Each structure stands twice: as C-alpha cells, then as structure tokens.
Amino acid sequence: MNEKAKAACNVHAVLRNMENLCELDVTSKELIAASNVAIQFSVPEIDKMVLAFQQGTCKASRGDGLSYDMNLRFTSHEHLNLMIEGKKNPIPTKGLRHISFLKKTFTALADRLSYYLQPDTERLQNDKSYRDASTKMLAYTAFYAIPEIARYDKIAMHVARHIEDGIINIVVGDEFAIQLHCQQGRLETFKGKNHNARALMLFDSMETASGILNGTLDSFGCIGTGALAFRGRIPMIDNLNRLLGLVPNYLG
C-alpha cells in the first residue's frame, strides 16, 4: 500500500467531500448553520487543504497561504490515514478554541459522510433522494481520487502519461457531471461539464451510476444495453478506466 497516495486521496477526495455533503444533505447543512470556522489539514509532502464552514455551507480549498482558524497537523501519511479509520487523533497547532467544533460538529459530519459513502443497500433501492446523494458523493470521491493516485502511484503515473491531453466529461443523465483535465500526465478534476471535452463517459441515469459505483451492476453488461456509453477519443476513456480500477486500492 502506498500510504502517501492513500493519504492524498483521504484529504483531497474523502475529506474534500465535506463540501458536497453540506450541499446535498439537509442534516449536515443544519449542523453547521451557525458555524464560522476554517480548518486546515497539514500532512507532510501533500498539498494542504482548508475546509471553510460558514453558516450552512462548506468550501474546500487547496494549497498554501490560505486563511484558516484551526490547523490540524499530522506527523506522517500513516497518521492521517489512521485518523480516517478512527484510530488516531490529529494534533491541533492553532485554534484550540475550536476544539468543541472538531469534537462535536466535525465528528457528526464525518458520520454523515460515512452514511453516504458506505451506503445501505436496502435504502439505496427504496429511497431515491438518498440514492442520488450517495451516488454523487461516491462519484466525487472516486474522480477526485484519480489525480492523487496518478500523482503518487507508480502504475497510475505510467497510465496517466498515456492519456492524451484534453478533457474527459463524466456525465450522469441530465443531472450531474464531472470533468477530468489531462495535461502531460497531470490530472485535475472539476465539477460540471466542459463543452470542449474530447471524450465522454455517459451513464444514462443515476440508478445506473449507483449500481456501477456500488458494484451491483456489471459495467460490461451496461455497455451492452447502452446504459453506459463512451464517445469521442476512446483511448482516453480506456486509460481512465484503468485508473478507476486502482481507486478501490486506496478507498476500499
């Protein structure tokens, strides 16, 4: 296991998903309705991330020099990964007055995130709003993890270098889209659809995307029925699928 790649995925794909959680989940939005605090996550050799919670919204930002109220330091990649597993605590080095937010509100948000990222199979089948929110968050997590894996995993680096420069759109019906930018082996994920994309991965519905992401539908079977379709530069999609195949190694 590449602990550095896993830590990068946990920061910039899993924890980053707090932004989407607070947008899609009413309970989470209510939890931070009166909050006004920005928390920085500092892990060695990995880009810093700040989660800014402000009156019912959360904004995830990446990089140095960002404004924050509380800094959580991790001594190693393993330290961060163990925190995600609930086995270690971060080291606050600034903003101790926000400890109560960290212990109560942030912990409650983490539980809500797990509720969607580790979905209940029966509820997926019977609750459309839950299924849709879970599917969106699973998709965000997977596709935001891909650039991190391509940056730190040797096999993924090799695959990423073979993706042609350009943009790949990942679209679910008329409801949801993510775009992956590829430039000389460097990948970056953004929300929404890009009209200049060179390749397209198209799920016909949220139900299909949910089934494939949760492993209850076979992707090859969906291709056969047209529920999953590829357009444009197919070699770009082929290499994207190879990277997707590595995601469970780090988020499983």
C-alpha atoms as a PDB file:
ATOM      1  CA  MET A   1       0.000   0.000   0.000  1.00  0.00           C
ATOM      2  CA  ASN A   2       1.289   3.441  -0.971  1.00  0.00           C
ATOM      3  CA  GLU A   3       0.475   5.355   2.214  1.00  0.00           C
ATOM      4  CA  LYS A   4       1.255   8.705   0.605  1.00  0.00           C
ATOM      5  CA  ALA A   5      -1.213   8.119  -2.233  1.00  0.00           C
ATOM      6  CA  LYS A   6      -3.807   6.910   0.257  1.00  0.00           C
ATOM      7  CA  ALA A   7      -3.339   9.989   2.441  1.00  0.00           C
ATOM      8  CA  ALA A   8      -3.665  12.277  -0.583  1.00  0.00           C
ATOM      9  CA  CYS A   9      -6.910  10.519  -1.539  1.00  0.00           C
ATOM     10  CA  ASN A  10      -8.220  10.810   2.006  1.00  0.00           C
ATOM     11  CA  VAL A  11      -7.505  14.540   2.127  1.00  0.00           C
ATOM     12  CA  HIS A  12      -8.359  15.668  -1.397  1.00  0.00           C
ATOM     13  CA  ALA A  13     -11.146  13.207  -2.236  1.00  0.00           C
ATOM     14  CA  VAL A  14     -12.727  11.944   1.004  1.00  0.00           C
ATOM     15  CA  LEU A  15     -12.429  14.953   3.334  1.00  0.00           C
ATOM     16  CA  ARG A  16     -12.926  17.293   0.403  1.00  0.00           C
ATOM     17  CA  ASN A  17     -16.353  15.706   0.027  1.00  0.00           C
ATOM     18  CA  MET A  18     -17.476  17.630   3.118  1.00  0.00           C
ATOM     19  CA  GLU A  19     -18.177  20.441   0.644  1.00  0.00           C
ATOM     20  CA  ASN A  20     -20.646  18.268  -1.256  1.00  0.00           C
ATOM     21  CA  LEU A  21     -22.077  16.722   1.902  1.00  0.00           C
ATOM     22  CA  CYS A  22     -23.081  20.121   3.265  1.00  0.00           C
ATOM     23  CA  GLU A  23     -24.710  20.972  -0.052  1.00  0.00           C
ATOM     24  CA  LEU A  24     -26.612  17.712  -0.561  1.00  0.00           C
ATOM     25  CA  ASP A  25     -27.525  16.671   2.991  1.00  0.00           C
ATOM     26  CA  VAL A  26     -30.027  18.765   4.959  1.00  0.00           C
ATOM     27  CA  THR A  27     -28.893  17.352   8.308  1.00  0.00           C
ATOM     28  CA  SER A  28     -25.286  18.371   7.643  1.00  0.00           C
ATOM     29  CA  LYS A  29     -26.341  21.811   6.487  1.00  0.00           C
ATOM     30  CA  GLU A  30     -28.255  22.269   9.744  1.00  0.00           C
ATOM     31  CA  LEU A  31     -25.275  21.075  11.804  1.00  0.00           C
ATOM     32  CA  ILE A  32     -23.162  23.978  10.516  1.00  0.00           C
ATOM     33  CA  ALA A  33     -25.946  26.566  10.250  1.00  0.00           C
ATOM     34  CA  ALA A  34     -24.297  28.773  12.879  1.00  0.00           C
ATOM     35  CA  SER A  35     -20.678  27.795  12.209  1.00  0.00           C
ATOM     36  CA  ASN A  36     -17.916  30.101  11.046  1.00  0.00           C
ATOM     37  CA  VAL A  37     -14.592  28.271  11.166  1.00  0.00           C
ATOM     38  CA  ALA A  38     -11.930  27.226   8.650  1.00  0.00           C
ATOM     39  CA  ILE A  39      -9.868  24.106   9.366  1.00  0.00           C
ATOM     40  CA  GLN A  40      -6.550  23.384   7.666  1.00  0.00           C
ATOM     41  CA  PHE A  41      -5.241  19.832   7.239  1.00  0.00           C
ATOM     42  CA  SER A  42      -1.435  19.672   7.158  1.00  0.00           C
ATOM     43  CA  VAL A  43       0.157  16.389   6.075  1.00  0.00           C
ATOM     44  CA  PRO A  44       3.857  16.056   5.130  1.00  0.00           C
ATOM     45  CA  GLU A  45       4.583  16.156   1.370  1.00  0.00           C
ATOM     46  CA  ILE A  46       0.895  16.602   0.465  1.00  0.00           C
ATOM     47  CA  ASP A  47      -0.853  19.817  -0.559  1.00  0.00           C
ATOM     48  CA  LYS A  48      -2.658  21.434   2.336  1.00  0.00           C
ATOM     49  CA  MET A  49      -6.440  21.654   2.310  1.00  0.00           C
ATOM     50  CA  VAL A  50      -8.755  24.060   4.108  1.00  0.00           C
ATOM     51  CA  LEU A  51     -12.402  23.302   4.835  1.00  0.00           C
ATOM     52  CA  ALA A  52     -14.217  26.573   5.498  1.00  0.00           C
ATOM     53  CA  PHE A  53     -17.555  26.118   7.257  1.00  0.00           C
ATOM     54  CA  GLN A  54     -19.737  29.192   7.152  1.00  0.00           C
ATOM     55  CA  GLN A  55     -23.410  29.397   8.072  1.00  0.00           C
ATOM     56  CA  GLY A  56     -24.628  26.220   6.429  1.00  0.00           C
ATOM     57  CA  THR A  57     -22.038  25.914   3.668  1.00  0.00           C
ATOM     58  CA  CYS A  58     -18.620  24.309   3.319  1.00  0.00           C
ATOM     59  CA  LYS A  59     -15.913  25.278   0.833  1.00  0.00           C
ATOM     60  CA  ALA A  60     -12.861  23.084   0.190  1.00  0.00           C
ATOM     61  CA  SER A  61      -9.695  24.866  -0.980  1.00  0.00           C
ATOM     62  CA  ARG A  62      -6.249  23.513  -1.779  1.00  0.00           C
ATOM     63  CA  GLY A  63      -2.763  24.969  -1.424  1.00  0.00           C
ATOM     64  CA  ASP A  64      -0.517  27.094   0.762  1.00  0.00           C
ATOM     65  CA  GLY A  65      -1.263  30.568   2.057  1.00  0.00           C
ATOM     66  CA  LEU A  66      -4.974  30.019   2.620  1.00  0.00           C
ATOM     67  CA  SER A  67      -6.782  31.659   5.515  1.00  0.00           C
ATOM     68  CA  TYR A  68      -7.723  29.319   8.368  1.00  0.00           C
ATOM     69  CA  ASP A  69      -8.733  29.396  12.036  1.00  0.00           C
ATOM     70  CA  MET A  70      -7.556  25.964  13.136  1.00  0.00           C
ATOM     71  CA  ASN A  71      -4.626  23.869  11.943  1.00  0.00           C
ATOM     72  CA  LEU A  72      -4.608  20.090  12.282  1.00  0.00           C
ATOM     73  CA  ARG A  73      -1.111  18.681  11.905  1.00  0.00           C
ATOM     74  CA  PHE A  74      -0.322  15.082  11.057  1.00  0.00           C
ATOM     75  CA  THR A  75       3.161  13.688  11.615  1.00  0.00           C
ATOM     76  CA  SER A  76       3.030  11.261   8.684  1.00  0.00           C
ATOM     77  CA  HIS A  77       0.851   9.876   5.917  1.00  0.00           C
ATOM     78  CA  GLU A  78       0.019   6.932   8.159  1.00  0.00           C
ATOM     79  CA  HIS A  79      -1.119   9.305  10.913  1.00  0.00           C
ATOM     80  CA  LEU A  80      -3.702  10.887   8.606  1.00  0.00           C
ATOM     81  CA  ASN A  81      -4.876   7.514   7.318  1.00  0.00           C
ATOM     82  CA  LEU A  82      -5.309   6.191  10.846  1.00  0.00           C
ATOM     83  CA  MET A  83      -7.381   9.259  11.743  1.00  0.00           C
ATOM     84  CA  ILE A  84      -9.723   8.470   8.849  1.00  0.00           C
ATOM     85  CA  GLU A  85     -10.052   4.953  10.284  1.00  0.00           C
ATOM     86  CA  GLY A  86     -10.834   6.388  13.720  1.00  0.00           C
ATOM     87  CA  LYS A  87      -7.619   5.067  15.277  1.00  0.00           C
ATOM     88  CA  LYS A  88      -5.612   8.290  15.744  1.00  0.00           C
ATOM     89  CA  ASN A  89      -6.295  11.921  16.576  1.00  0.00           C
ATOM     90  CA  PRO A  90      -4.847  14.957  14.773  1.00  0.00           C
ATOM     91  CA  ILE A  91      -2.543  17.412  16.524  1.00  0.00           C
ATOM     92  CA  PRO A  92      -4.122  20.892  16.751  1.00  0.00           C
ATOM     93  CA  THR A  93      -1.397  23.550  16.474  1.00  0.00           C
ATOM     94  CA  LYS A  94      -3.652  26.583  16.124  1.00  0.00           C
ATOM     95  CA  GLY A  95      -7.202  27.452  17.088  1.00  0.00           C
ATOM     96  CA  LEU A  96      -7.656  25.405  20.233  1.00  0.00           C
ATOM     97  CA  ARG A  97     -10.804  27.397  20.985  1.00  0.00           C
ATOM     98  CA  HIS A  98     -12.449  25.492  18.118  1.00  0.00           C
ATOM     99  CA  ILE A  99     -11.855  22.079  19.712  1.00  0.00           C
ATOM    100  CA  SER A 100     -15.544  21.730  20.563  1.00  0.00           C
ATOM    101  CA  PHE A 101     -16.443  22.154  16.866  1.00  0.00           C
ATOM    102  CA  LEU A 102     -13.888  19.494  15.964  1.00  0.00           C
ATOM    103  CA  LYS A 103     -15.059  17.004  18.583  1.00  0.00           C
ATOM    104  CA  LYS A 104     -18.789  17.516  18.151  1.00  0.00           C
ATOM    105  CA  THR A 105     -19.816  19.067  14.835  1.00  0.00           C
ATOM    106  CA  PHE A 106     -16.986  17.784  12.647  1.00  0.00           C
ATOM    107  CA  THR A 107     -17.327  14.283  14.094  1.00  0.00           C
ATOM    108  CA  ALA A 108     -21.060  14.360  13.364  1.00  0.00           C
ATOM    109  CA  LEU A 109     -20.321  15.474   9.789  1.00  0.00           C
ATOM    110  CA  ALA A 110     -17.841  12.620   9.380  1.00  0.00           C
ATOM    111  CA  ASP A 111     -20.552  10.181  10.459  1.00  0.00           C
ATOM    112  CA  ARG A 112     -22.950  11.674   7.896  1.00  0.00           C
ATOM    113  CA  LEU A 113     -20.287  11.348   5.206  1.00  0.00           C
ATOM    114  CA  SER A 114     -19.823   7.662   6.021  1.00  0.00           C
ATOM    115  CA  TYR A 115     -23.602   7.263   5.858  1.00  0.00           C
ATOM    116  CA  TYR A 116     -23.432   8.172   2.160  1.00  0.00           C
ATOM    117  CA  LEU A 117     -20.029   6.747   1.182  1.00  0.00           C
ATOM    118  CA  GLN A 118     -20.805   3.370   2.778  1.00  0.00           C
ATOM    119  CA  PRO A 119     -24.441   3.208   1.712  1.00  0.00           C
ATOM    120  CA  ASP A 120     -27.152   0.915   2.997  1.00  0.00           C
ATOM    121  CA  THR A 121     -28.143  -1.392   0.122  1.00  0.00           C
ATOM    122  CA  GLU A 122     -31.817  -1.583   1.039  1.00  0.00           C
ATOM    123  CA  ARG A 123     -32.145   2.164   1.382  1.00  0.00           C
ATOM    124  CA  LEU A 124     -30.455   2.687  -1.991  1.00  0.00           C
ATOM    125  CA  GLN A 125     -33.267   0.677  -3.545  1.00  0.00           C
ATOM    126  CA  ASN A 126     -36.124   2.346  -1.683  1.00  0.00           C
ATOM    127  CA  ASP A 127     -35.066   5.974  -1.175  1.00  0.00           C
ATOM    128  CA  LYS A 128     -34.349   7.887  -4.387  1.00  0.00           C
ATOM    129  CA  SER A 129     -33.071  11.052  -2.688  1.00  0.00           C
ATOM    130  CA  TYR A 130     -30.643   9.010  -0.583  1.00  0.00           C
ATOM    131  CA  ARG A 131     -29.507   7.034  -3.640  1.00  0.00           C
ATOM    132  CA  ASP A 132     -28.907  10.174  -5.676  1.00  0.00           C
ATOM    133  CA  ALA A 133     -26.949  11.932  -2.925  1.00  0.00           C
ATOM    134  CA  SER A 134     -24.886   8.819  -2.206  1.00  0.00           C
ATOM    135  CA  THR A 135     -24.136   8.315  -5.905  1.00  0.00           C
ATOM    136  CA  LYS A 136     -22.989  11.900  -6.354  1.00  0.00           C
ATOM    137  CA  MET A 137     -20.698  11.720  -3.327  1.00  0.00           C
ATOM    138  CA  LEU A 138     -19.271   8.361  -4.384  1.00  0.00           C
ATOM    139  CA  ALA A 139     -18.597   9.775  -7.853  1.00  0.00           C
ATOM    140  CA  TYR A 140     -16.960  12.902  -6.460  1.00  0.00           C
ATOM    141  CA  THR A 141     -14.778  10.773  -4.195  1.00  0.00           C
ATOM    142  CA  ALA A 142     -13.689   8.394  -6.963  1.00  0.00           C
ATOM    143  CA  PHE A 143     -12.966  11.012  -9.609  1.00  0.00           C
ATOM    144  CA  TYR A 144     -11.232  13.417  -7.222  1.00  0.00           C
ATOM    145  CA  ALA A 145      -9.081  10.499  -6.041  1.00  0.00           C
ATOM    146  CA  ILE A 146      -7.856   9.723  -9.559  1.00  0.00           C
ATOM    147  CA  PRO A 147      -5.459  12.721  -9.860  1.00  0.00           C
ATOM    148  CA  GLU A 148      -3.980  11.891  -6.440  1.00  0.00           C
ATOM    149  CA  ILE A 149      -3.383   8.271  -7.410  1.00  0.00           C
ATOM    150  CA  ALA A 150      -1.903   9.379 -10.740  1.00  0.00           C
ATOM    151  CA  ARG A 151       0.457  11.680  -8.853  1.00  0.00           C
ATOM    152  CA  TYR A 152       1.837   9.181  -6.328  1.00  0.00           C
ATOM    153  CA  ASP A 153       1.178   5.597  -7.522  1.00  0.00           C
ATOM    154  CA  LYS A 154       3.827   4.301  -9.964  1.00  0.00           C
ATOM    155  CA  ILE A 155       1.420   2.225 -12.055  1.00  0.00           C
ATOM    156  CA  ALA A 156      -1.065   5.105 -12.219  1.00  0.00           C
ATOM    157  CA  MET A 157       1.702   7.537 -13.202  1.00  0.00           C
ATOM    158  CA  HIS A 158       2.504   5.326 -16.185  1.00  0.00           C
ATOM    159  CA  VAL A 159      -1.162   5.093 -17.208  1.00  0.00           C
ATOM    160  CA  ALA A 160      -1.709   8.848 -16.823  1.00  0.00           C
ATOM    161  CA  ARG A 161       1.243   9.626 -19.097  1.00  0.00           C
ATOM    162  CA  HIS A 162      -0.545   7.722 -21.865  1.00  0.00           C
ATOM    163  CA  ILE A 163      -3.738   9.787 -21.652  1.00  0.00           C
ATOM    164  CA  GLU A 164      -3.889  12.310 -24.469  1.00  0.00           C
ATOM    165  CA  ASP A 165      -4.035  15.955 -23.460  1.00  0.00           C
ATOM    166  CA  GLY A 166      -7.586  17.198 -23.202  1.00  0.00           C
ATOM    167  CA  ILE A 167     -10.747  16.930 -21.136  1.00  0.00           C
ATOM    168  CA  ILE A 168     -12.958  13.948 -20.347  1.00  0.00           C
ATOM    169  CA  ASN A 169     -16.564  14.564 -19.299  1.00  0.00           C
ATOM    170  CA  ILE A 170     -18.238  12.082 -16.950  1.00  0.00           C
ATOM    171  CA  VAL A 171     -21.986  12.689 -17.209  1.00  0.00           C
ATOM    172  CA  VAL A 172     -24.988  11.114 -15.468  1.00  0.00           C
ATOM    173  CA  GLY A 173     -28.140  11.773 -17.498  1.00  0.00           C
ATOM    174  CA  ASP A 174     -29.086  15.441 -17.311  1.00  0.00           C
ATOM    175  CA  GLU A 175     -28.449  15.655 -13.563  1.00  0.00           C
ATOM    176  CA  PHE A 176     -24.749  15.508 -12.825  1.00  0.00           C
ATOM    177  CA  ALA A 177     -21.329  15.948 -14.430  1.00  0.00           C
ATOM    178  CA  ILE A 178     -17.632  15.903 -13.575  1.00  0.00           C
ATOM    179  CA  GLN A 179     -14.727  16.808 -15.856  1.00  0.00           C
ATOM    180  CA  LEU A 180     -11.195  15.424 -15.783  1.00  0.00           C
ATOM    181  CA  HIS A 181      -8.458  17.604 -17.286  1.00  0.00           C
ATOM    182  CA  CYS A 182      -5.387  15.798 -18.626  1.00  0.00           C
ATOM    183  CA  GLN A 183      -2.151  17.631 -19.446  1.00  0.00           C
ATOM    184  CA  GLN A 184       1.119  15.746 -19.995  1.00  0.00           C
ATOM    185  CA  GLY A 185       0.250  13.134 -17.400  1.00  0.00           C
ATOM    186  CA  ARG A 186      -1.015  15.634 -14.831  1.00  0.00           C
ATOM    187  CA  LEU A 187      -4.690  15.239 -13.996  1.00  0.00           C
ATOM    188  CA  GLU A 188      -7.151  17.570 -12.303  1.00  0.00           C
ATOM    189  CA  THR A 189     -10.853  17.133 -11.530  1.00  0.00           C
ATOM    190  CA  PHE A 190     -13.538  19.814 -11.652  1.00  0.00           C
ATOM    191  CA  LYS A 191     -17.291  19.866 -11.198  1.00  0.00           C
ATOM    192  CA  GLY A 192     -19.644  20.300 -14.135  1.00  0.00           C
ATOM    193  CA  LYS A 193     -19.476  19.613 -17.865  1.00  0.00           C
ATOM    194  CA  ASN A 194     -16.928  21.111 -20.259  1.00  0.00           C
ATOM    195  CA  HIS A 195     -18.061  21.881 -23.807  1.00  0.00           C
ATOM    196  CA  ASN A 196     -14.532  21.391 -25.166  1.00  0.00           C
ATOM    197  CA  ALA A 197     -14.185  17.804 -23.935  1.00  0.00           C
ATOM    198  CA  ARG A 198     -12.518  15.294 -26.246  1.00  0.00           C
ATOM    199  CA  ALA A 199     -14.107  12.222 -24.640  1.00  0.00           C
ATOM    200  CA  LEU A 200     -17.318  11.373 -22.831  1.00  0.00           C
ATOM    201  CA  MET A 201     -18.323   8.697 -20.315  1.00  0.00           C
ATOM    202  CA  LEU A 202     -22.122   8.726 -20.158  1.00  0.00           C
ATOM    203  CA  PHE A 203     -24.339   6.974 -17.604  1.00  0.00           C
ATOM    204  CA  ASP A 204     -27.965   7.005 -18.730  1.00  0.00           C
ATOM    205  CA  SER A 205     -29.336   7.520 -15.206  1.00  0.00           C
ATOM    206  CA  MET A 206     -28.458   7.982 -11.552  1.00  0.00           C
ATOM    207  CA  GLU A 207     -29.679   4.423 -10.964  1.00  0.00           C
ATOM    208  CA  THR A 208     -27.113   3.050 -13.434  1.00  0.00           C
ATOM    209  CA  ALA A 209     -24.299   5.143 -11.964  1.00  0.00           C
ATOM    210  CA  SER A 210     -25.252   4.000  -8.461  1.00  0.00           C
ATOM    211  CA  GLY A 211     -25.241   0.343  -9.464  1.00  0.00           C
ATOM    212  CA  ILE A 212     -21.851   0.529 -11.170  1.00  0.00           C
ATOM    213  CA  LEU A 213     -20.210   2.551  -8.385  1.00  0.00           C
ATOM    214  CA  ASN A 214     -21.590   0.201  -5.722  1.00  0.00           C
ATOM    215  CA  GLY A 215     -20.717  -2.945  -7.661  1.00  0.00           C
ATOM    216  CA  THR A 216     -24.287  -4.203  -8.041  1.00  0.00           C
ATOM    217  CA  LEU A 217     -24.294  -3.670 -11.819  1.00  0.00           C
ATOM    218  CA  ASP A 218     -21.743  -5.040 -14.268  1.00  0.00           C
ATOM    219  CA  SER A 219     -20.228  -2.259 -16.370  1.00  0.00           C
ATOM    220  CA  PHE A 220     -19.792  -4.524 -19.408  1.00  0.00           C
ATOM    221  CA  GLY A 221     -23.439  -5.508 -19.218  1.00  0.00           C
ATOM    222  CA  CYS A 222     -24.392  -1.831 -19.041  1.00  0.00           C
ATOM    223  CA  ILE A 223     -22.280  -1.115 -22.115  1.00  0.00           C
ATOM    224  CA  GLY A 224     -24.144  -3.881 -23.919  1.00  0.00           C
ATOM    225  CA  THR A 225     -27.542  -2.394 -23.078  1.00  0.00           C
ATOM    226  CA  GLY A 226     -26.442   1.182 -23.754  1.00  0.00           C
ATOM    227  CA  ALA A 227     -26.903   2.225 -20.123  1.00  0.00           C
ATOM    228  CA  LEU A 228     -23.188   3.132 -20.096  1.00  0.00           C
ATOM    229  CA  ALA A 229     -21.731   4.672 -23.240  1.00  0.00           C
ATOM    230  CA  PHE A 230     -18.419   6.129 -24.386  1.00  0.00           C
ATOM    231  CA  ARG A 231     -17.933   8.816 -27.028  1.00  0.00           C
ATOM    232  CA  GLY A 232     -15.043  10.674 -28.614  1.00  0.00           C
ATOM    233  CA  ARG A 233     -11.422   9.650 -28.020  1.00  0.00           C
ATOM    234  CA  ILE A 234     -11.924   6.107 -26.738  1.00  0.00           C
ATOM    235  CA  PRO A 235      -8.213   5.587 -25.823  1.00  0.00           C
ATOM    236  CA  MET A 236      -8.639   8.379 -23.247  1.00  0.00           C
ATOM    237  CA  ILE A 237     -11.598   6.512 -21.738  1.00  0.00           C
ATOM    238  CA  ASP A 238      -9.678   3.213 -21.750  1.00  0.00           C
ATOM    239  CA  ASN A 239      -6.886   4.727 -19.672  1.00  0.00           C
ATOM    240  CA  LEU A 240      -9.377   6.462 -17.388  1.00  0.00           C
ATOM    241  CA  ASN A 241     -10.971   3.071 -16.728  1.00  0.00           C
ATOM    242  CA  ARG A 242      -7.553   1.664 -15.835  1.00  0.00           C
ATOM    243  CA  LEU A 243      -7.144   4.426 -13.263  1.00  0.00           C
ATOM    244  CA  LEU A 244     -10.654   3.824 -11.927  1.00  0.00           C
ATOM    245  CA  GLY A 245      -9.656   0.213 -11.394  1.00  0.00           C
ATOM    246  CA  LEU A 246      -6.957   1.385  -8.961  1.00  0.00           C
ATOM    247  CA  VAL A 247      -9.291   3.538  -6.856  1.00  0.00           C
ATOM    248  CA  PRO A 248     -10.554   0.677  -4.606  1.00  0.00           C
ATOM    249  CA  ASN A 249      -6.931   0.020  -3.577  1.00  0.00           C
ATOM    250  CA  TYR A 250      -6.957   3.382  -1.812  1.00  0.00           C
ATOM    251  CA  LEU A 251     -10.588   3.970  -0.911  1.00  0.00           C
ATOM    252  CA  GLY A 252     -11.875   0.426  -0.423  1.00  0.00           C
END
